[in-house]
Amino acid sequence: MGHVEDALTAQSVRIAGHGGDEIEAYLAEPMGEGPFGAVVVIHHMPGYDRATKEITRRFAAAGYLAICPNLHFREGRGTASPEDAAAACRAAGGVPDDRLVGDVEGAARHLRSHPSCNGRVGVIGYCSGGRQAFLAACSLPLDACVVCYGAFIVGTPPAEMPMRATPLLGMAARLSCPVLGLFGADDRFPSPEQVAELDAELTRLGKPHEFHSYEGAGHAFFAVDRPSYRVEAANDGWERIWDFFGRHLGG
């Protein structure tokens, strides 16, 4: 996939999430009839923010239907900002796993019902969303999964981190699709040792996966608006994402 800024449309929509709840989502569509592969974008813990919406539009510019469900929508009712909604969700211990799966399932259903969707849906997540992308791929029939420095797939959060996150390694046998993992060698969550443990388990299970770790990069190296941004790692990571989704989603 190239990086040509093709014409696209983007708008907030309402979709049916977990338990039939109506939640907000951000939908970005390439212009044209398609058919297009589709991507569910799982936002990071800071929330359903401008940076994640830009990523969602980037997928549409590259020829994918893309949707980002607002995982903090329920906590955010009546709040003025994504930051407030994210804070409320963190205070409650984070997004419950069953709710996450239901919301991603609703987002994938919305994409598959789109007239220009080719029927193939992938998922990508960053930070806590990387763990959630892996959880979704172990829980739902998906076609490709990208994990960007997903913490606590292996291991549990330290006591000072106010989040629920049970390890997911035991679910790996249920993985429904190939995985691309992009990690920073200087990250602590996940650490290189945790990445190696996940790699070994997926290899043992015969699950197709491609892992890449970047020297000199820590957590959140894709985040252009944060000091953690590492341009060479991010650029290489995007090239790998385009190649991976191109092969598995037919975009």
Protein backbone atom coordinates (compact mmCIF):
# COMPACT_ATOMS: atom_id res chain seq x y z
CA MET A 1 0.00 0.00 0.00
CA GLY A 2 1.19 3.49 -0.72
CA HIS A 3 0.73 6.70 1.19
CA VAL A 4 -1.08 8.69 -1.48
CA GLU A 5 -3.61 10.97 0.18
CA ASP A 6 -6.62 9.78 -1.75
CA ALA A 7 -10.01 11.37 -1.33
CA LEU A 8 -11.94 10.14 1.68
CA THR A 9 -14.89 10.99 3.87
CA ALA A 10 -14.95 10.75 7.66
CA GLN A 11 -17.72 11.23 10.17
CA SER A 12 -18.98 10.24 13.60
CA VAL A 13 -21.58 7.47 13.49
CA ARG A 14 -23.53 5.42 16.03
CA ILE A 15 -23.13 1.65 16.06
CA ALA A 16 -24.46 -1.21 18.19
CA GLY A 17 -21.75 -2.27 20.62
CA HIS A 18 -21.59 -4.73 23.49
CA GLY A 19 -24.98 -5.83 24.73
CA GLY A 20 -26.69 -3.82 21.99
CA ASP A 21 -25.56 -0.51 23.55
CA GLU A 22 -25.51 2.37 21.11
CA ILE A 23 -21.99 3.82 21.08
CA GLU A 24 -20.20 6.46 19.06
CA ALA A 25 -17.59 5.52 16.46
CA TYR A 26 -15.49 7.37 13.91
CA LEU A 27 -15.87 6.01 10.37
CA ALA A 28 -13.48 6.89 7.54
CA GLU A 29 -14.19 5.69 4.01
CA PRO A 30 -12.17 5.85 0.81
CA MET A 31 -13.96 7.41 -2.13
CA GLY A 32 -14.95 4.92 -4.82
CA GLU A 33 -16.87 1.70 -5.00
CA GLY A 34 -14.18 -0.67 -3.75
CA PRO A 35 -14.30 -3.41 -2.79
CA PHE A 36 -12.14 -2.42 0.16
CA GLY A 37 -10.62 -4.34 3.04
CA ALA A 38 -11.63 -3.00 6.44
CA VAL A 39 -9.87 -2.15 9.69
CA VAL A 40 -11.10 -1.67 13.25
CA VAL A 41 -8.79 0.84 14.97
CA ILE A 42 -8.60 0.43 18.77
CA HIS A 43 -7.59 3.66 20.43
CA HIS A 44 -4.93 3.93 23.12
CA MET A 45 -5.64 4.56 26.80
CA PRO A 46 -5.65 8.37 26.42
CA GLY A 47 -8.87 7.74 24.58
CA TYR A 48 -10.92 8.48 21.51
CA ASP A 49 -8.82 11.47 20.56
CA ARG A 50 -7.71 13.54 17.59
CA ALA A 51 -4.53 11.49 17.10
CA THR A 52 -6.45 8.21 16.80
CA LYS A 53 -8.95 9.78 14.40
CA GLU A 54 -6.01 10.87 12.24
CA ILE A 55 -4.79 7.27 12.18
CA THR A 56 -8.28 6.12 11.19
CA ARG A 57 -8.31 8.59 8.30
CA ARG A 58 -4.83 7.42 7.29
CA PHE A 59 -6.22 3.93 6.71
CA ALA A 60 -9.01 5.35 4.54
CA ALA A 61 -6.48 7.39 2.56
CA ALA A 62 -4.63 4.13 1.89
CA GLY A 63 -7.76 2.41 0.59
CA TYR A 64 -9.34 0.76 3.64
CA LEU A 65 -12.70 1.21 5.29
CA ALA A 66 -11.74 2.11 8.85
CA ILE A 67 -13.70 2.56 12.05
CA CYS A 68 -12.63 3.53 15.57
CA PRO A 69 -15.22 2.71 18.24
CA ASN A 70 -15.26 5.02 21.26
CA LEU A 71 -14.50 2.51 24.00
CA HIS A 72 -15.05 5.19 26.65
CA PHE A 73 -18.42 6.33 25.30
CA ARG A 74 -20.39 5.05 28.29
CA GLU A 75 -18.09 6.74 30.81
CA GLY A 76 -18.00 9.88 28.69
CA ARG A 77 -21.69 10.69 28.69
CA GLY A 78 -22.00 14.31 29.70
CA THR A 79 -18.24 14.96 29.78
CA ALA A 80 -16.68 17.68 27.70
CA SER A 81 -13.58 15.92 26.43
CA PRO A 82 -11.96 12.60 25.52
CA GLU A 83 -9.51 13.22 28.37
CA ASP A 84 -12.34 13.36 30.91
CA ALA A 85 -13.91 10.19 29.53
CA ALA A 86 -10.56 8.40 29.58
CA ALA A 87 -9.97 9.51 33.18
CA ALA A 88 -13.38 8.22 34.22
CA CYS A 89 -12.71 4.90 32.51
CA ARG A 90 -9.26 4.58 34.12
CA ALA A 91 -10.79 5.34 37.52
CA ALA A 92 -13.13 2.38 36.97
CA GLY A 93 -10.16 0.11 36.17
CA GLY A 94 -10.25 0.37 32.41
CA VAL A 95 -12.48 -1.14 29.75
CA PRO A 96 -13.78 -4.59 30.80
CA ASP A 97 -12.61 -7.32 28.43
CA ASP A 98 -16.09 -8.61 27.61
CA ARG A 99 -17.28 -5.11 26.75
CA LEU A 100 -14.24 -4.56 24.53
CA VAL A 101 -14.95 -7.73 22.58
CA GLY A 102 -18.61 -6.77 22.15
CA ASP A 103 -17.73 -3.27 20.94
CA VAL A 104 -15.13 -4.55 18.45
CA GLU A 105 -17.62 -7.17 17.25
CA GLY A 106 -20.15 -4.39 16.65
CA ALA A 107 -17.56 -2.31 14.80
CA ALA A 108 -16.57 -5.28 12.62
CA ARG A 109 -20.24 -5.99 11.89
CA HIS A 110 -20.74 -2.36 10.87
CA LEU A 111 -17.79 -2.62 8.46
CA ARG A 112 -18.90 -5.94 6.96
CA SER A 113 -22.36 -4.51 6.29
CA HIS A 114 -20.86 -1.62 4.30
CA PRO A 115 -21.67 -1.99 0.59
CA SER A 116 -18.03 -1.46 -0.46
CA CYS A 117 -16.48 -3.91 2.07
CA ASN A 118 -14.80 -6.98 0.60
CA GLY A 119 -15.76 -8.98 3.70
CA ARG A 120 -12.29 -9.04 5.25
CA VAL A 121 -11.74 -7.19 8.52
CA GLY A 122 -8.54 -6.63 10.45
CA VAL A 123 -7.87 -5.01 13.81
CA ILE A 124 -5.05 -2.76 15.01
CA GLY A 125 -4.42 -1.36 18.47
CA TYR A 126 -1.86 0.76 20.25
CA CYS A 127 -0.70 0.51 23.87
CA SER A 128 -3.63 -0.91 25.89
CA GLY A 129 -5.34 -1.18 22.50
CA GLY A 130 -2.60 -3.55 21.36
CA ARG A 131 -3.59 -5.97 24.12
CA GLN A 132 -7.22 -5.42 23.20
CA ALA A 133 -6.52 -6.12 19.51
CA PHE A 134 -4.99 -9.46 20.52
CA LEU A 135 -7.98 -10.16 22.80
CA ALA A 136 -10.36 -9.41 19.92
CA ALA A 137 -8.43 -11.68 17.55
CA CYS A 138 -8.65 -14.52 20.10
CA SER A 139 -12.38 -13.94 20.61
CA LEU A 140 -13.78 -13.08 17.17
CA PRO A 141 -13.38 -14.30 13.58
CA LEU A 142 -11.00 -11.71 12.10
CA ASP A 143 -8.61 -11.76 9.15
CA ALA A 144 -5.54 -9.92 10.48
CA CYS A 145 -4.34 -8.39 13.76
CA VAL A 146 -1.67 -5.76 14.37
CA VAL A 147 -0.39 -5.33 17.92
CA CYS A 148 1.53 -2.08 18.47
CA TYR A 149 3.43 -2.40 21.77
CA GLY A 150 0.49 -4.11 23.44
CA ALA A 151 1.13 -4.41 27.17
CA PHE A 152 -0.03 -7.23 29.47
CA ILE A 153 -0.75 -9.87 26.85
CA VAL A 154 1.99 -11.46 28.95
CA GLY A 155 2.27 -10.46 32.61
CA THR A 156 0.06 -8.28 34.79
CA PRO A 157 0.11 -4.55 35.55
CA PRO A 158 2.19 -3.46 38.56
CA ALA A 159 0.26 -2.36 41.62
CA GLU A 160 0.74 1.34 40.85
CA MET A 161 -1.11 1.00 37.53
CA PRO A 162 -4.87 1.39 38.14
CA MET A 163 -6.06 -0.97 35.43
CA ARG A 164 -7.53 -4.43 35.13
CA ALA A 165 -5.60 -6.52 32.65
CA THR A 166 -5.51 -10.27 33.00
CA PRO A 167 -2.84 -12.02 30.91
CA LEU A 168 -4.04 -13.30 27.55
CA LEU A 169 -1.33 -15.86 26.79
CA GLY A 170 -3.70 -18.70 27.69
CA MET A 171 -6.09 -17.55 24.95
CA ALA A 172 -3.48 -17.74 22.19
CA ALA A 173 -4.67 -21.14 20.99
CA ARG A 174 -7.94 -19.45 19.95
CA LEU A 175 -6.23 -16.84 17.76
CA SER A 176 -8.30 -16.54 14.58
CA CYS A 177 -5.83 -14.79 12.26
CA PRO A 178 -2.19 -13.88 11.55
CA VAL A 179 -0.56 -11.31 13.87
CA LEU A 180 1.93 -8.55 13.17
CA GLY A 181 3.63 -7.33 16.36
CA LEU A 182 5.60 -4.06 16.49
CA PHE A 183 7.56 -3.37 19.67
CA GLY A 184 10.15 -1.03 21.14
CA ALA A 185 13.30 -2.70 22.45
CA ASP A 186 13.48 -0.11 25.26
CA ASP A 187 9.86 -0.64 26.38
CA ARG A 188 9.00 -1.94 29.86
CA PHE A 189 5.35 -2.83 29.13
CA PRO A 190 5.81 -5.06 27.21
CA SER A 191 9.43 -5.81 27.97
CA PRO A 192 11.61 -7.64 25.41
CA GLU A 193 11.34 -10.72 27.64
CA GLN A 194 7.54 -10.58 27.52
CA VAL A 195 7.62 -10.15 23.73
CA ALA A 196 9.93 -13.18 23.47
CA GLU A 197 7.54 -15.23 25.65
CA LEU A 198 4.59 -14.36 23.41
CA ASP A 199 6.64 -15.08 20.29
CA ALA A 200 7.64 -18.50 21.65
CA GLU A 201 4.07 -19.42 22.56
CA LEU A 202 2.67 -18.45 19.14
CA THR A 203 5.48 -20.43 17.50
CA ARG A 204 4.70 -23.45 19.71
CA LEU A 205 1.04 -23.24 18.71
CA GLY A 206 1.85 -22.87 15.02
CA LYS A 207 0.11 -19.48 14.85
CA PRO A 208 1.33 -17.31 11.94
CA HIS A 209 2.96 -14.15 13.25
CA GLU A 210 5.63 -11.59 12.43
CA PHE A 211 7.29 -9.69 15.28
CA HIS A 212 9.63 -6.73 14.88
CA SER A 213 11.40 -4.88 17.71
CA TYR A 214 13.05 -1.51 17.21
CA GLU A 215 16.30 -0.56 18.94
CA GLY A 216 16.23 2.89 20.50
CA ALA A 217 12.43 2.93 20.64
CA GLY A 218 10.34 2.65 23.78
CA HIS A 219 6.60 2.72 24.30
CA ALA A 220 4.36 4.75 21.97
CA PHE A 221 6.94 5.26 19.23
CA PHE A 222 4.14 5.76 16.67
CA ALA A 223 2.72 8.77 18.60
CA VAL A 224 3.72 11.79 16.50
CA ASP A 225 2.51 14.24 19.15
CA ARG A 226 4.53 12.76 22.03
CA PRO A 227 8.24 12.78 22.99
CA SER A 228 8.28 8.99 22.59
CA TYR A 229 7.93 9.35 18.78
CA ARG A 230 10.73 7.65 16.81
CA VAL A 231 10.46 8.55 13.16
CA GLU A 232 12.53 5.70 11.68
CA ALA A 233 10.79 3.02 13.74
CA ALA A 234 7.36 4.50 12.98
CA ASN A 235 8.02 4.78 9.25
CA ASP A 236 9.28 1.21 9.06
CA GLY A 237 6.33 0.08 11.18
CA TRP A 238 3.84 1.73 8.83
CA GLU A 239 5.47 0.04 5.82
CA ARG A 240 5.09 -3.31 7.56
CA ILE A 241 1.44 -2.54 8.40
CA TRP A 242 0.68 -1.68 4.76
CA ASP A 243 2.37 -4.87 3.57
CA PHE A 244 0.65 -7.06 6.19
CA PHE A 245 -2.86 -5.68 5.70
CA GLY A 246 -2.32 -5.65 1.93
CA ARG A 247 -1.65 -9.39 1.99
CA HIS A 248 -4.40 -10.37 4.44
CA LEU A 249 -7.16 -7.85 3.75
CA GLY A 250 -6.69 -7.36 0.04
CA GLY A 251 -6.58 -3.57 0.35
